[in-house]
Structures are given as C-alpha cells and as structure tokens.
C-alpha cells in the first residue's frame, strides 16, 4: 500500500463524510466496535489511520495509532487526529474520563 493508493481514496472518503463545525462524521462502513473503515486495494483500513497518514505525508511509526483528541470514533477530521502510542492514547482516555482503568480485582 502506497501513499498514492491512499490519496486515490480521498474522493471516496470525502463522499462518505459529513463535515460539521467540529467533527467530520463518517457515514460509511464501520467495524463491530464502530470504527470507520474503508477497503483500499482489497484491504480493510481504518479511515482515521488513512486520514492521519495523508495528513503526515508518511506511514505511522511502528506501534503507533491514530488517536482522536475529540473522543469521537466516527470523526475523521485530520485536525482531531494525532499519532500516539497505544498506551499514551489509553492514558489520555483515562485522563478525559472516557475510560476507566481496570483494577487488579476486576481481572480476578
């Protein structure tokens, strides 16, 4: 998958996106977890990752994710996306009250 392949999908992404004053809401296919995805070259990709890669002009670094500053998984606004580690994104969600950390007793 090349940046050119991803750029070629921009019209398809734009056609399925509603741009509001804040978030750009995806109205295309979603995963079971509600994450927007699109098929490019026969491969299902998360739209937020595609948009962030195009914004950065490079692939995400190994172990990095497309993190949402708006906490809206349907949002594909490039201004709301940043590259972060999975752990960093998880701690940011804890800090904003979007997720609660599990305690040792919850796993028992």
Protein backbone atom coordinates (compact mmCIF):
# COMPACT_ATOMS: atom_id res chain seq x y z
CA UNK A 1 0.00 0.00 0.00
CA UNK A 2 1.48 3.32 -1.08
CA UNK A 3 0.63 6.93 -0.26
CA UNK A 4 -0.63 7.23 -3.85
CA UNK A 5 -3.11 4.39 -3.20
CA UNK A 6 -4.36 6.20 -0.10
CA UNK A 7 -4.57 9.57 -1.90
CA UNK A 8 -6.66 7.93 -4.63
CA UNK A 9 -9.26 7.02 -1.97
CA UNK A 10 -9.78 10.65 -0.84
CA UNK A 11 -12.85 11.23 -3.07
CA UNK A 12 -14.47 8.07 -1.65
CA UNK A 13 -13.68 9.18 1.90
CA UNK A 14 -14.98 12.70 1.28
CA UNK A 15 -18.22 11.35 -0.24
CA UNK A 16 -18.98 9.42 2.97
CA UNK A 17 -18.05 12.21 5.39
CA UNK A 18 -20.29 14.91 6.86
CA UNK A 19 -18.21 17.94 7.81
CA UNK A 20 -19.73 19.68 10.83
CA UNK A 21 -18.32 22.74 12.62
CA UNK A 22 -16.21 20.41 14.75
CA UNK A 23 -16.04 16.71 13.85
CA UNK A 24 -16.12 15.22 10.37
CA UNK A 25 -18.52 12.31 10.80
CA UNK A 26 -18.07 9.09 8.83
CA UNK A 27 -21.23 7.63 7.29
CA UNK A 28 -19.64 4.64 5.58
CA UNK A 29 -18.84 1.14 6.79
CA UNK A 30 -17.85 0.58 10.41
CA UNK A 31 -16.32 -2.28 12.33
CA UNK A 32 -18.16 -4.11 15.09
CA UNK A 33 -16.56 -1.63 17.50
CA UNK A 34 -17.95 1.31 15.49
CA UNK A 35 -14.63 2.32 13.93
CA UNK A 36 -14.87 3.69 10.37
CA UNK A 37 -13.15 1.58 7.74
CA UNK A 38 -12.71 1.57 4.01
CA UNK A 39 -11.40 -1.05 1.61
CA UNK A 40 -8.41 0.06 -0.44
CA UNK A 41 -6.70 -2.43 -2.71
CA UNK A 42 -8.82 -5.23 -1.22
CA UNK A 43 -7.64 -4.46 2.32
CA UNK A 44 -9.87 -3.04 5.07
CA UNK A 45 -8.21 0.01 6.65
CA UNK A 46 -9.29 2.29 9.47
CA UNK A 47 -10.27 5.61 7.93
CA UNK A 48 -8.74 7.59 10.81
CA UNK A 49 -5.35 5.96 10.08
CA UNK A 50 -5.66 6.69 6.36
CA UNK A 51 -6.54 10.34 7.03
CA UNK A 52 -3.69 10.74 9.54
CA UNK A 53 -1.16 9.13 7.18
CA UNK A 54 -2.23 11.56 4.45
CA UNK A 55 -2.01 14.48 6.88
CA UNK A 56 1.51 13.47 7.97
CA UNK A 57 2.64 12.52 4.45
CA UNK A 58 4.16 9.29 5.78
CA UNK A 59 3.18 5.97 7.32
CA UNK A 60 2.62 5.81 11.07
CA UNK A 61 5.63 4.68 13.05
CA UNK A 62 5.69 1.09 14.29
CA UNK A 63 3.49 0.67 17.37
CA UNK A 64 1.65 3.96 16.84
CA UNK A 65 -2.09 4.57 16.49
CA UNK A 66 -4.31 7.34 15.16
CA UNK A 67 -5.55 8.96 18.38
CA UNK A 68 -8.68 11.13 18.48
CA UNK A 69 -8.47 14.35 20.51
CA UNK A 70 -12.27 14.69 20.24
CA UNK A 71 -13.02 11.19 21.63
CA UNK A 72 -15.44 10.55 18.75
CA UNK A 73 -14.52 7.28 16.98
CA UNK A 74 -16.62 8.27 13.92
CA UNK A 75 -14.63 11.50 13.47
CA UNK A 76 -12.16 11.63 10.58
CA UNK A 77 -11.26 15.34 10.86
CA UNK A 78 -7.48 15.47 10.36
CA UNK A 79 -7.25 18.34 12.87
CA UNK A 80 -8.62 15.98 15.56
CA UNK A 81 -6.15 13.17 14.84
CA UNK A 82 -2.62 12.69 16.13
CA UNK A 83 -0.06 9.92 16.18
CA UNK A 84 0.34 8.35 19.63
CA UNK A 85 1.29 5.06 21.24
CA UNK A 86 -1.49 2.70 22.24
CA UNK A 87 -0.57 3.25 25.89
CA UNK A 88 -0.46 7.04 25.51
CA UNK A 89 -3.86 7.02 23.85
CA UNK A 90 -5.24 4.82 26.63
CA UNK A 91 -3.90 7.12 29.38
CA UNK A 92 -5.34 10.15 27.55
CA UNK A 93 -8.74 8.41 27.53
CA UNK A 94 -8.39 7.75 31.28
CA UNK A 95 -7.48 11.39 31.88
CA UNK A 96 -10.53 12.64 29.98
CA UNK A 97 -12.83 10.20 31.78
CA UNK A 98 -13.69 8.31 28.60
CA UNK A 99 -12.37 5.03 30.01
CA UNK A 100 -11.89 3.72 33.50
CA UNK A 101 -8.71 1.84 34.36
CA UNK A 102 -9.28 -1.76 35.42
CA UNK A 103 -8.12 -2.74 38.87
CA UNK A 104 -6.38 -5.98 39.71
CA UNK A 105 -9.56 -7.23 41.39
CA UNK A 106 -11.62 -6.76 38.24
CA UNK A 107 -9.49 -9.30 36.41
CA UNK A 108 -9.99 -11.94 39.13
